[in-house]
Amino acid sequence: MRDRPGLNLLLVIVAALPLVGAVVNFVLAQGNHSLRSAVNQRQHEIAQGAQLAHANEALIRQIAVVAVKNHDDRLRELLTRSGITINVTPPAPSGASSDGGKEE
């Protein structure tokens, strides 16, 4: 073996390849973990944003109801400046079907 230094070097290199592969695998796994954490955080923020959008919509509706009920022009103006239009639907006439649909 002493008279073949090229073979010894080749064997050392071949023996070191699994170690290098393990180190590369570890580094890539750590990178994957970091990316997975970032994706999970973004998914959480998206879900939370959807929940907040529903709460925001309900809150705006309630503010609009109060503005109409109390004839609050300042509150209506605030909603209008925020890009929210209030459409008031008039209530149905109460005398239209007071007899329950019965004919005599």
PDB file of N, CA and C in Angstrom:
ATOM      1  N   MET A   1       0.809  -1.184   0.000  1.00  0.00           N
ATOM      2  CA  MET A   1       0.000   0.000   0.000  1.00  0.00           C
ATOM      3  C   MET A   1       0.861   1.260   0.000  1.00  0.00           C
ATOM      4  N   ARG A   2       2.064   1.156   0.533  1.00  0.00           N
ATOM      5  CA  ARG A   2       2.923   2.339   0.598  1.00  0.00           C
ATOM      6  C   ARG A   2       3.419   2.732  -0.793  1.00  0.00           C
ATOM      7  N   ASP A   3       3.426   1.796  -1.703  1.00  0.00           N
ATOM      8  CA  ASP A   3       3.913   2.129  -3.025  1.00  0.00           C
ATOM      9  C   ASP A   3       2.793   2.634  -3.938  1.00  0.00           C
ATOM     10  N   ARG A   4       1.569   2.800  -3.422  1.00  0.00           N
ATOM     11  CA  ARG A   4       0.458   3.322  -4.220  1.00  0.00           C
ATOM     12  C   ARG A   4      -0.176   4.531  -3.504  1.00  0.00           C
ATOM     13  N   PRO A   5       0.440   5.656  -3.502  1.00  0.00           N
ATOM     14  CA  PRO A   5      -0.125   6.822  -2.803  1.00  0.00           C
ATOM     15  C   PRO A   5      -1.400   7.341  -3.476  1.00  0.00           C
ATOM     16  N   GLY A   6      -1.539   7.163  -4.759  1.00  0.00           N
ATOM     17  CA  GLY A   6      -2.756   7.605  -5.465  1.00  0.00           C
ATOM     18  C   GLY A   6      -3.971   6.827  -5.009  1.00  0.00           C
ATOM     19  N   LEU A   7      -3.789   5.517  -4.792  1.00  0.00           N
ATOM     20  CA  LEU A   7      -4.892   4.675  -4.334  1.00  0.00           C
ATOM     21  C   LEU A   7      -5.297   5.064  -2.920  1.00  0.00           C
ATOM     22  N   ASN A   8      -4.311   5.332  -2.047  1.00  0.00           N
ATOM     23  CA  ASN A   8      -4.618   5.758  -0.671  1.00  0.00           C
ATOM     24  C   ASN A   8      -5.412   7.068  -0.662  1.00  0.00           C
ATOM     25  N   LEU A   9      -5.027   8.007  -1.476  1.00  0.00           N
ATOM     26  CA  LEU A   9      -5.734   9.287  -1.551  1.00  0.00           C
ATOM     27  C   LEU A   9      -7.160   9.079  -2.048  1.00  0.00           C
ATOM     28  N   LEU A  10      -7.330   8.231  -3.044  1.00  0.00           N
ATOM     29  CA  LEU A  10      -8.659   7.939  -3.581  1.00  0.00           C
ATOM     30  C   LEU A  10      -9.546   7.307  -2.511  1.00  0.00           C
ATOM     31  N   LEU A  11      -8.991   6.370  -1.745  1.00  0.00           N
ATOM     32  CA  LEU A  11      -9.773   5.719  -0.686  1.00  0.00           C
ATOM     33  C   LEU A  11     -10.167   6.713   0.417  1.00  0.00           C
ATOM     34  N   VAL A  12      -9.298   7.627   0.763  1.00  0.00           N
ATOM     35  CA  VAL A  12      -9.625   8.648   1.771  1.00  0.00           C
ATOM     36  C   VAL A  12     -10.752   9.549   1.261  1.00  0.00           C
ATOM     37  N   ILE A  13     -10.674   9.922  -0.006  1.00  0.00           N
ATOM     38  CA  ILE A  13     -11.714  10.780  -0.585  1.00  0.00           C
ATOM     39  C   ILE A  13     -13.052  10.049  -0.620  1.00  0.00           C
ATOM     40  N   VAL A  14     -13.035   8.798  -1.036  1.00  0.00           N
ATOM     41  CA  VAL A  14     -14.268   8.012  -1.093  1.00  0.00           C
ATOM     42  C   VAL A  14     -14.845   7.821   0.312  1.00  0.00           C
ATOM     43  N   ALA A  15     -13.992   7.643   1.311  1.00  0.00           N
ATOM     44  CA  ALA A  15     -14.460   7.469   2.688  1.00  0.00           C
ATOM     45  C   ALA A  15     -15.029   8.774   3.249  1.00  0.00           C
ATOM     46  N   ALA A  16     -14.542   9.917   2.771  1.00  0.00           N
ATOM     47  CA  ALA A  16     -15.016  11.210   3.281  1.00  0.00           C
ATOM     48  C   ALA A  16     -16.341  11.642   2.639  1.00  0.00           C
ATOM     49  N   LEU A  17     -16.700  11.067   1.513  1.00  0.00           N
ATOM     50  CA  LEU A  17     -17.926  11.466   0.823  1.00  0.00           C
ATOM     51  C   LEU A  17     -19.186  11.315   1.679  1.00  0.00           C
ATOM     52  N   PRO A  18     -19.394  10.207   2.405  1.00  0.00           N
ATOM     53  CA  PRO A  18     -20.593  10.120   3.247  1.00  0.00           C
ATOM     54  C   PRO A  18     -20.641  11.198   4.336  1.00  0.00           C
ATOM     55  N   LEU A  19     -19.487  11.556   4.878  1.00  0.00           N
ATOM     56  CA  LEU A  19     -19.445  12.614   5.885  1.00  0.00           C
ATOM     57  C   LEU A  19     -19.865  13.952   5.273  1.00  0.00           C
ATOM     58  N   VAL A  20     -19.353  14.252   4.097  1.00  0.00           N
ATOM     59  CA  VAL A  20     -19.733  15.488   3.411  1.00  0.00           C
ATOM     60  C   VAL A  20     -21.231  15.467   3.089  1.00  0.00           C
ATOM     61  N   GLY A  21     -21.723  14.315   2.636  1.00  0.00           N
ATOM     62  CA  GLY A  21     -23.151  14.181   2.337  1.00  0.00           C
ATOM     63  C   GLY A  21     -24.013  14.409   3.569  1.00  0.00           C
ATOM     64  N   ALA A  22     -23.581  13.893   4.722  1.00  0.00           N
ATOM     65  CA  ALA A  22     -24.338  14.083   5.957  1.00  0.00           C
ATOM     66  C   ALA A  22     -24.368  15.554   6.362  1.00  0.00           C
ATOM     67  N   VAL A  23     -23.251  16.250   6.206  1.00  0.00           N
ATOM     68  CA  VAL A  23     -23.200  17.680   6.544  1.00  0.00           C
ATOM     69  C   VAL A  23     -24.118  18.472   5.616  1.00  0.00           C
ATOM     70  N   VAL A  24     -24.091  18.181   4.321  1.00  0.00           N
ATOM     71  CA  VAL A  24     -24.954  18.870   3.358  1.00  0.00           C
ATOM     72  C   VAL A  24     -26.421  18.589   3.683  1.00  0.00           C
ATOM     73  N   ASN A  25     -26.741  17.359   4.020  1.00  0.00           N
ATOM     74  CA  ASN A  25     -28.108  16.989   4.385  1.00  0.00           C
ATOM     75  C   ASN A  25     -28.567  17.776   5.614  1.00  0.00           C
ATOM     76  N   PHE A  26     -27.718  17.913   6.607  1.00  0.00           N
ATOM     77  CA  PHE A  26     -28.050  18.657   7.822  1.00  0.00           C
ATOM     78  C   PHE A  26     -28.333  20.122   7.507  1.00  0.00           C
ATOM     79  N   VAL A  27     -27.483  20.716   6.684  1.00  0.00           N
ATOM     80  CA  VAL A  27     -27.656  22.129   6.324  1.00  0.00           C
ATOM     81  C   VAL A  27     -28.967  22.330   5.566  1.00  0.00           C
ATOM     82  N   LEU A  28     -29.250  21.453   4.622  1.00  0.00           N
ATOM     83  CA  LEU A  28     -30.498  21.570   3.858  1.00  0.00           C
ATOM     84  C   LEU A  28     -31.717  21.352   4.745  1.00  0.00           C
ATOM     85  N   ALA A  29     -31.633  20.425   5.687  1.00  0.00           N
ATOM     86  CA  ALA A  29     -32.757  20.184   6.603  1.00  0.00           C
ATOM     87  C   ALA A  29     -33.021  21.415   7.469  1.00  0.00           C
ATOM     88  N   GLN A  30     -31.963  22.084   7.920  1.00  0.00           N
ATOM     89  CA  GLN A  30     -32.135  23.307   8.715  1.00  0.00           C
ATOM     90  C   GLN A  30     -32.791  24.402   7.873  1.00  0.00           C
ATOM     91  N   GLY A  31     -32.376  24.529   6.635  1.00  0.00           N
ATOM     92  CA  GLY A  31     -32.988  25.515   5.741  1.00  0.00           C
ATOM     93  C   GLY A  31     -34.452  25.220   5.508  1.00  0.00           C
ATOM     94  N   ASN A  32     -34.784  23.943   5.337  1.00  0.00           N
ATOM     95  CA  ASN A  32     -36.174  23.525   5.172  1.00  0.00           C
ATOM     96  C   ASN A  32     -37.003  23.882   6.395  1.00  0.00           C
ATOM     97  N   HIS A  33     -36.451  23.644   7.559  1.00  0.00           N
ATOM     98  CA  HIS A  33     -37.163  23.950   8.806  1.00  0.00           C
ATOM     99  C   HIS A  33     -37.469  25.443   8.903  1.00  0.00           C
ATOM    100  N   SER A  34     -36.506  26.272   8.541  1.00  0.00           N
ATOM    101  CA  SER A  34     -36.704  27.726   8.577  1.00  0.00           C
ATOM    102  C   SER A  34     -37.792  28.152   7.594  1.00  0.00           C
ATOM    103  N   LEU A  35     -37.756  27.596   6.395  1.00  0.00           N
ATOM    104  CA  LEU A  35     -38.774  27.930   5.397  1.00  0.00           C
ATOM    105  C   LEU A  35     -40.157  27.472   5.839  1.00  0.00           C
ATOM    106  N   ARG A  36     -40.235  26.277   6.410  1.00  0.00           N
ATOM    107  CA  ARG A  36     -41.508  25.746   6.880  1.00  0.00           C
ATOM    108  C   ARG A  36     -42.082  26.624   7.981  1.00  0.00           C
ATOM    109  N   SER A  37     -41.235  27.108   8.878  1.00  0.00           N
ATOM    110  CA  SER A  37     -41.682  27.998   9.943  1.00  0.00           C
ATOM    111  C   SER A  37     -42.223  29.301   9.371  1.00  0.00           C
ATOM    112  N   ALA A  38     -41.543  29.841   8.370  1.00  0.00           N
ATOM    113  CA  ALA A  38     -42.001  31.088   7.749  1.00  0.00           C
ATOM    114  C   ALA A  38     -43.344  30.893   7.060  1.00  0.00           C
ATOM    115  N   VAL A  39     -43.519  29.779   6.370  1.00  0.00           N
ATOM    116  CA  VAL A  39     -44.787  29.499   5.689  1.00  0.00           C
ATOM    117  C   VAL A  39     -45.904  29.337   6.712  1.00  0.00           C
ATOM    118  N   ASN A  40     -45.648  28.629   7.798  1.00  0.00           N
ATOM    119  CA  ASN A  40     -46.670  28.461   8.841  1.00  0.00           C
ATOM    120  C   ASN A  40     -47.065  29.797   9.442  1.00  0.00           C
ATOM    121  N   GLN A  41     -46.110  30.677   9.657  1.00  0.00           N
ATOM    122  CA  GLN A  41     -46.397  32.011  10.207  1.00  0.00           C
ATOM    123  C   GLN A  41     -47.273  32.799   9.242  1.00  0.00           C
ATOM    124  N   ARG A  42     -46.960  32.734   7.960  1.00  0.00           N
ATOM    125  CA  ARG A  42     -47.764  33.452   6.963  1.00  0.00           C
ATOM    126  C   ARG A  42     -49.177  32.893   6.892  1.00  0.00           C
ATOM    127  N   GLN A  43     -49.313  31.573   6.955  1.00  0.00           N
ATOM    128  CA  GLN A  43     -50.645  30.972   6.930  1.00  0.00           C
ATOM    129  C   GLN A  43     -51.461  31.422   8.132  1.00  0.00           C
ATOM    130  N   HIS A  44     -50.825  31.514   9.282  1.00  0.00           N
ATOM    131  CA  HIS A  44     -51.506  31.982  10.489  1.00  0.00           C
ATOM    132  C   HIS A  44     -51.970  33.427  10.313  1.00  0.00           C
ATOM    133  N   GLU A  45     -51.112  34.267   9.739  1.00  0.00           N
ATOM    134  CA  GLU A  45     -51.470  35.671   9.525  1.00  0.00           C
ATOM    135  C   GLU A  45     -52.623  35.801   8.531  1.00  0.00           C
ATOM    136  N   ILE A  46     -52.632  34.968   7.499  1.00  0.00           N
ATOM    137  CA  ILE A  46     -53.719  35.000   6.518  1.00  0.00           C
ATOM    138  C   ILE A  46     -55.033  34.594   7.171  1.00  0.00           C
ATOM    139  N   ALA A  47     -55.013  33.529   7.958  1.00  0.00           N
ATOM    140  CA  ALA A  47     -56.228  33.078   8.632  1.00  0.00           C
ATOM    141  C   ALA A  47     -56.717  34.136   9.619  1.00  0.00           C
ATOM    142  N   GLN A  48     -55.793  34.744  10.329  1.00  0.00           N
ATOM    143  CA  GLN A  48     -56.163  35.776  11.288  1.00  0.00           C
ATOM    144  C   GLN A  48     -56.739  36.989  10.554  1.00  0.00           C
ATOM    145  N   GLY A  49     -56.191  37.320   9.405  1.00  0.00           N
ATOM    146  CA  GLY A  49     -56.711  38.434   8.613  1.00  0.00           C
ATOM    147  C   GLY A  49     -58.135  38.187   8.158  1.00  0.00           C
ATOM    148  N   ALA A  50     -58.441  36.950   7.782  1.00  0.00           N
ATOM    149  CA  ALA A  50     -59.804  36.615   7.371  1.00  0.00           C
ATOM    150  C   ALA A  50     -60.770  36.756   8.549  1.00  0.00           C
ATOM    151  N   GLN A  51     -60.350  36.321   9.726  1.00  0.00           N
ATOM    152  CA  GLN A  51     -61.199  36.463  10.910  1.00  0.00           C
ATOM    153  C   GLN A  51     -61.413  37.933  11.238  1.00  0.00           C
ATOM    154  N   LEU A  52     -60.366  38.734  11.129  1.00  0.00           N
ATOM    155  CA  LEU A  52     -60.495  40.157  11.411  1.00  0.00           C
ATOM    156  C   LEU A  52     -61.378  40.852  10.379  1.00  0.00           C
ATOM    157  N   ALA A  53     -61.348  40.385   9.137  1.00  0.00           N
ATOM    158  CA  ALA A  53     -62.204  40.972   8.107  1.00  0.00           C
ATOM    159  C   ALA A  53     -63.668  40.756   8.448  1.00  0.00           C
ATOM    160  N   HIS A  54     -64.013  39.575   8.950  1.00  0.00           N
ATOM    161  CA  HIS A  54     -65.400  39.303   9.351  1.00  0.00           C
ATOM    162  C   HIS A  54     -65.799  40.192  10.523  1.00  0.00           C
ATOM    163  N   ALA A  55     -64.926  40.318  11.491  1.00  0.00           N
ATOM    164  CA  ALA A  55     -65.220  41.169  12.647  1.00  0.00           C
ATOM    165  C   ALA A  55     -65.342  42.628  12.208  1.00  0.00           C
ATOM    166  N   ASN A  56     -64.481  43.056  11.295  1.00  0.00           N
ATOM    167  CA  ASN A  56     -64.517  44.423  10.790  1.00  0.00           C
ATOM    168  C   ASN A  56     -65.838  44.695  10.073  1.00  0.00           C
ATOM    169  N   GLU A  57     -66.281  43.749   9.274  1.00  0.00           N
ATOM    170  CA  GLU A  57     -67.541  43.901   8.547  1.00  0.00           C
ATOM    171  C   GLU A  57     -68.717  44.007   9.507  1.00  0.00           C
ATOM    172  N   ALA A  58     -68.728  43.175  10.533  1.00  0.00           N
ATOM    173  CA  ALA A  58     -69.819  43.220  11.518  1.00  0.00           C
ATOM    174  C   ALA A  58     -69.806  44.542  12.280  1.00  0.00           C
ATOM    175  N   LEU A  59     -68.636  45.018  12.615  1.00  0.00           N
ATOM    176  CA  LEU A  59     -68.512  46.289  13.331  1.00  0.00           C
ATOM    177  C   LEU A  59     -69.002  47.443  12.463  1.00  0.00           C
ATOM    178  N   ILE A  60     -68.651  47.454  11.199  1.00  0.00           N
ATOM    179  CA  ILE A  60     -69.099  48.513  10.288  1.00  0.00           C
ATOM    180  C   ILE A  60     -70.614  48.482  10.154  1.00  0.00           C
ATOM    181  N   ARG A  61     -71.173  47.283  10.064  1.00  0.00           N
ATOM    182  CA  ARG A  61     -72.638  47.173   9.976  1.00  0.00           C
ATOM    183  C   ARG A  61     -73.311  47.781  11.194  1.00  0.00           C
ATOM    184  N   GLN A  62     -72.776  47.464  12.368  1.00  0.00           N
ATOM    185  CA  GLN A  62     -73.369  47.988  13.601  1.00  0.00           C
ATOM    186  C   GLN A  62     -73.242  49.508  13.669  1.00  0.00           C
ATOM    187  N   ILE A  63     -72.114  50.044  13.246  1.00  0.00           N
ATOM    188  CA  ILE A  63     -71.943  51.502  13.236  1.00  0.00           C
ATOM    189  C   ILE A  63     -72.943  52.130  12.267  1.00  0.00           C
ATOM    190  N   ALA A  64     -73.142  51.507  11.109  1.00  0.00           N
ATOM    191  CA  ALA A  64     -74.099  52.034  10.134  1.00  0.00           C
ATOM    192  C   ALA A  64     -75.515  51.991  10.696  1.00  0.00           C
ATOM    193  N   VAL A  65     -75.868  50.924  11.393  1.00  0.00           N
ATOM    194  CA  VAL A  65     -77.206  50.811  11.993  1.00  0.00           C
ATOM    195  C   VAL A  65     -77.410  51.925  13.017  1.00  0.00           C
ATOM    196  N   VAL A  66     -76.408  52.169  13.839  1.00  0.00           N
ATOM    197  CA  VAL A  66     -76.515  53.227  14.848  1.00  0.00           C
ATOM    198  C   VAL A  66     -76.615  54.590  14.166  1.00  0.00           C
ATOM    199  N   ALA A  67     -75.843  54.796  13.113  1.00  0.00           N
ATOM    200  CA  ALA A  67     -75.885  56.079  12.408  1.00  0.00           C
ATOM    201  C   ALA A  67     -77.267  56.340  11.827  1.00  0.00           C
ATOM    202  N   VAL A  68     -77.895  55.312  11.259  1.00  0.00           N
ATOM    203  CA  VAL A  68     -79.235  55.475  10.680  1.00  0.00           C
ATOM    204  C   VAL A  68     -80.273  55.639  11.784  1.00  0.00           C
ATOM    205  N   LYS A  69     -80.173  54.820  12.804  1.00  0.00           N
ATOM    206  CA  LYS A  69     -81.163  54.832  13.884  1.00  0.00           C
ATOM    207  C   LYS A  69     -81.177  56.172  14.625  1.00  0.00           C
ATOM    208  N   ASN A  70     -80.003  56.717  14.884  1.00  0.00           N
ATOM    209  CA  ASN A  70     -79.903  57.966  15.653  1.00  0.00           C
ATOM    210  C   ASN A  70     -79.811  59.204  14.766  1.00  0.00           C
ATOM    211  N   HIS A  71     -79.933  59.021  13.450  1.00  0.00           N
ATOM    212  CA  HIS A  71     -79.820  60.128  12.496  1.00  0.00           C
ATOM    213  C   HIS A  71     -78.533  60.916  12.740  1.00  0.00           C
ATOM    214  N   ASP A  72     -77.443  60.197  12.901  1.00  0.00           N
ATOM    215  CA  ASP A  72     -76.144  60.802  13.212  1.00  0.00           C
ATOM    216  C   ASP A  72     -75.405  61.107  11.910  1.00  0.00           C
ATOM    217  N   ASP A  73     -75.482  62.379  11.489  1.00  0.00           N
ATOM    218  CA  ASP A  73     -74.852  62.780  10.226  1.00  0.00           C
ATOM    219  C   ASP A  73     -73.332  62.740  10.307  1.00  0.00           C
ATOM    220  N   ARG A  74     -72.771  63.027  11.464  1.00  0.00           N
ATOM    221  CA  ARG A  74     -71.312  62.987  11.601  1.00  0.00           C
ATOM    222  C   ARG A  74     -70.788  61.565  11.441  1.00  0.00           C
ATOM    223  N   LEU A  75     -71.513  60.606  11.990  1.00  0.00           N
ATOM    224  CA  LEU A  75     -71.111  59.205  11.863  1.00  0.00           C
ATOM    225  C   LEU A  75     -71.266  58.734  10.414  1.00  0.00           C
ATOM    226  N   ARG A  76     -72.344  59.176   9.764  1.00  0.00           N
ATOM    227  CA  ARG A  76     -72.530  58.844   8.342  1.00  0.00           C
ATOM    228  C   ARG A  76     -71.391  59.435   7.506  1.00  0.00           C
ATOM    229  N   GLU A  77     -71.017  60.670   7.816  1.00  0.00           N
ATOM    230  CA  GLU A  77     -69.927  61.324   7.088  1.00  0.00           C
ATOM    231  C   GLU A  77     -68.611  60.573   7.295  1.00  0.00           C
ATOM    232  N   LEU A  78     -68.368  60.117   8.514  1.00  0.00           N
ATOM    233  CA  LEU A  78     -67.158  59.343   8.804  1.00  0.00           C
ATOM    234  C   LEU A  78     -67.127  58.061   7.976  1.00  0.00           C
ATOM    235  N   LEU A  79     -68.255  57.377   7.905  1.00  0.00           N
ATOM    236  CA  LEU A  79     -68.329  56.150   7.110  1.00  0.00           C
ATOM    237  C   LEU A  79     -68.131  56.459   5.623  1.00  0.00           C
ATOM    238  N   THR A  80     -68.719  57.544   5.160  1.00  0.00           N
ATOM    239  CA  THR A  80     -68.580  57.921   3.754  1.00  0.00           C
ATOM    240  C   THR A  80     -67.129  58.245   3.418  1.00  0.00           C
ATOM    241  N   ARG A  81     -66.452  58.976   4.316  1.00  0.00           N
ATOM    242  CA  ARG A  81     -65.038  59.293   4.084  1.00  0.00           C
ATOM    243  C   ARG A  81     -64.189  58.033   4.049  1.00  0.00           C
ATOM    244  N   SER A  82     -64.647  56.999   4.744  1.00  0.00           N
ATOM    245  CA  SER A  82     -63.911  55.729   4.770  1.00  0.00           C
ATOM    246  C   SER A  82     -64.278  54.845   3.590  1.00  0.00           C
ATOM    247  N   GLY A  83     -65.151  55.337   2.713  1.00  0.00           N
ATOM    248  CA  GLY A  83     -65.519  54.578   1.516  1.00  0.00           C
ATOM    249  C   GLY A  83     -66.668  53.615   1.731  1.00  0.00           C
ATOM    250  N   ILE A  84     -67.459  53.851   2.759  1.00  0.00           N
ATOM    251  CA  ILE A  84     -68.570  52.952   3.077  1.00  0.00           C
ATOM    252  C   ILE A  84     -69.866  53.692   2.792  1.00  0.00           C
ATOM    253  N   THR A  85     -70.706  53.099   1.965  1.00  0.00           N
ATOM    254  CA  THR A  85     -71.984  53.699   1.604  1.00  0.00           C
ATOM    255  C   THR A  85     -73.090  53.021   2.395  1.00  0.00           C
ATOM    256  N   ILE A  86     -73.970  53.827   2.947  1.00  0.00           N
ATOM    257  CA  ILE A  86     -75.097  53.285   3.720  1.00  0.00           C
ATOM    258  C   ILE A  86     -76.323  53.311   2.830  1.00  0.00           C
ATOM    259  N   ASN A  87     -76.895  52.134   2.602  1.00  0.00           N
ATOM    260  CA  ASN A  87     -78.143  52.010   1.847  1.00  0.00           C
ATOM    261  C   ASN A  87     -79.226  51.579   2.820  1.00  0.00           C
ATOM    262  N   VAL A  88     -80.217  52.443   3.004  1.00  0.00           N
ATOM    263  CA  VAL A  88     -81.290  52.146   3.941  1.00  0.00           C
ATOM    264  C   VAL A  88     -82.438  51.540   3.165  1.00  0.00           C
ATOM    265  N   THR A  89     -82.870  50.346   3.582  1.00  0.00           N
ATOM    266  CA  THR A  89     -84.017  49.679   2.976  1.00  0.00           C
ATOM    267  C   THR A  89     -85.242  50.027   3.811  1.00  0.00           C
ATOM    268  N   PRO A  90     -86.237  50.635   3.194  1.00  0.00           N
ATOM    269  CA  PRO A  90     -87.422  50.984   3.987  1.00  0.00           C
ATOM    270  C   PRO A  90     -88.135  49.727   4.453  1.00  0.00           C
ATOM    271  N   PRO A  91     -88.725  49.771   5.653  1.00  0.00           N
ATOM    272  CA  PRO A  91     -89.435  48.590   6.157  1.00  0.00           C
ATOM    273  C   PRO A  91     -90.684  48.318   5.323  1.00  0.00           C
ATOM    274  N   ALA A  92     -91.071  47.050   5.243  1.00  0.00           N
ATOM    275  CA  ALA A  92     -92.260  46.664   4.487  1.00  0.00           C
ATOM    276  C   ALA A  92     -93.494  47.223   5.186  1.00  0.00           C
ATOM    277  N   PRO A  93     -94.481  47.622   4.408  1.00  0.00           N
ATOM    278  CA  PRO A  93     -95.703  48.141   5.028  1.00  0.00           C
ATOM    279  C   PRO A  93     -96.352  47.072   5.900  1.00  0.00           C
ATOM    280  N   SER A  94     -96.753  47.453   7.099  1.00  0.00           N
ATOM    281  CA  SER A  94     -97.296  46.474   8.042  1.00  0.00           C
ATOM    282  C   SER A  94     -98.731  46.107   7.755  1.00  0.00           C
ATOM    283  N   GLY A  95     -99.469  46.894   7.008  1.00  0.00           N
ATOM    284  CA  GLY A  95    -100.893  46.629   6.743  1.00  0.00           C
ATOM    285  C   GLY A  95    -101.108  45.790   5.509  1.00  0.00           C
ATOM    286  N   ALA A  96    -100.080  45.384   4.801  1.00  0.00           N
ATOM    287  CA  ALA A  96    -100.221  44.656   3.551  1.00  0.00           C
ATOM    288  C   ALA A  96    -100.838  43.290   3.750  1.00  0.00           C
ATOM    289  N   SER A  97    -100.452  42.575   4.802  1.00  0.00           N
ATOM    290  CA  SER A  97    -101.011  41.238   5.022  1.00  0.00           C
ATOM    291  C   SER A  97    -101.427  41.084   6.480  1.00  0.00           C
ATOM    292  N   SER A  98    -102.174  42.069   6.995  1.00  0.00           N
ATOM    293  CA  SER A  98    -102.572  42.025   8.394  1.00  0.00           C
ATOM    294  C   SER A  98    -103.643  40.985   8.690  1.00  0.00           C
ATOM    295  N   ASP A  99    -104.373  40.564   7.643  1.00  0.00           N
ATOM    296  CA  ASP A  99    -105.423  39.573   7.875  1.00  0.00           C
ATOM    297  C   ASP A  99    -104.892  38.151   7.741  1.00  0.00           C
ATOM    298  N   GLY A 100    -103.620  37.980   7.507  1.00  0.00           N
ATOM    299  CA  GLY A 100    -103.034  36.648   7.439  1.00  0.00           C
ATOM    300  C   GLY A 100    -103.319  35.954   6.150  1.00  0.00           C
ATOM    301  N   GLY A 101    -103.822  36.675   5.133  1.00  0.00           N
ATOM    302  CA  GLY A 101    -104.065  36.076   3.824  1.00  0.00           C
ATOM    303  C   GLY A 101    -105.438  35.444   3.710  1.00  0.00           C
ATOM    304  N   LYS A 102    -106.322  35.651   4.682  1.00  0.00           N
ATOM    305  CA  LYS A 102    -107.658  35.046   4.644  1.00  0.00           C
ATOM    306  C   LYS A 102    -108.614  35.950   3.881  1.00  0.00           C
ATOM    307  N   GLU A 103    -109.500  35.339   3.123  1.00  0.00           N
ATOM    308  CA  GLU A 103    -110.531  36.102   2.427  1.00  0.00           C
ATOM    309  C   GLU A 103    -111.866  35.728   2.996  1.00  0.00           C
ATOM    310  N   GLU A 104    -112.808  36.688   2.987  1.00  0.00           N
ATOM    311  CA  GLU A 104    -114.153  36.412   3.513  1.00  0.00           C
ATOM    312  C   GLU A 104    -115.137  36.291   2.412  1.00  0.00           C
TER     313      GLU A 104
END
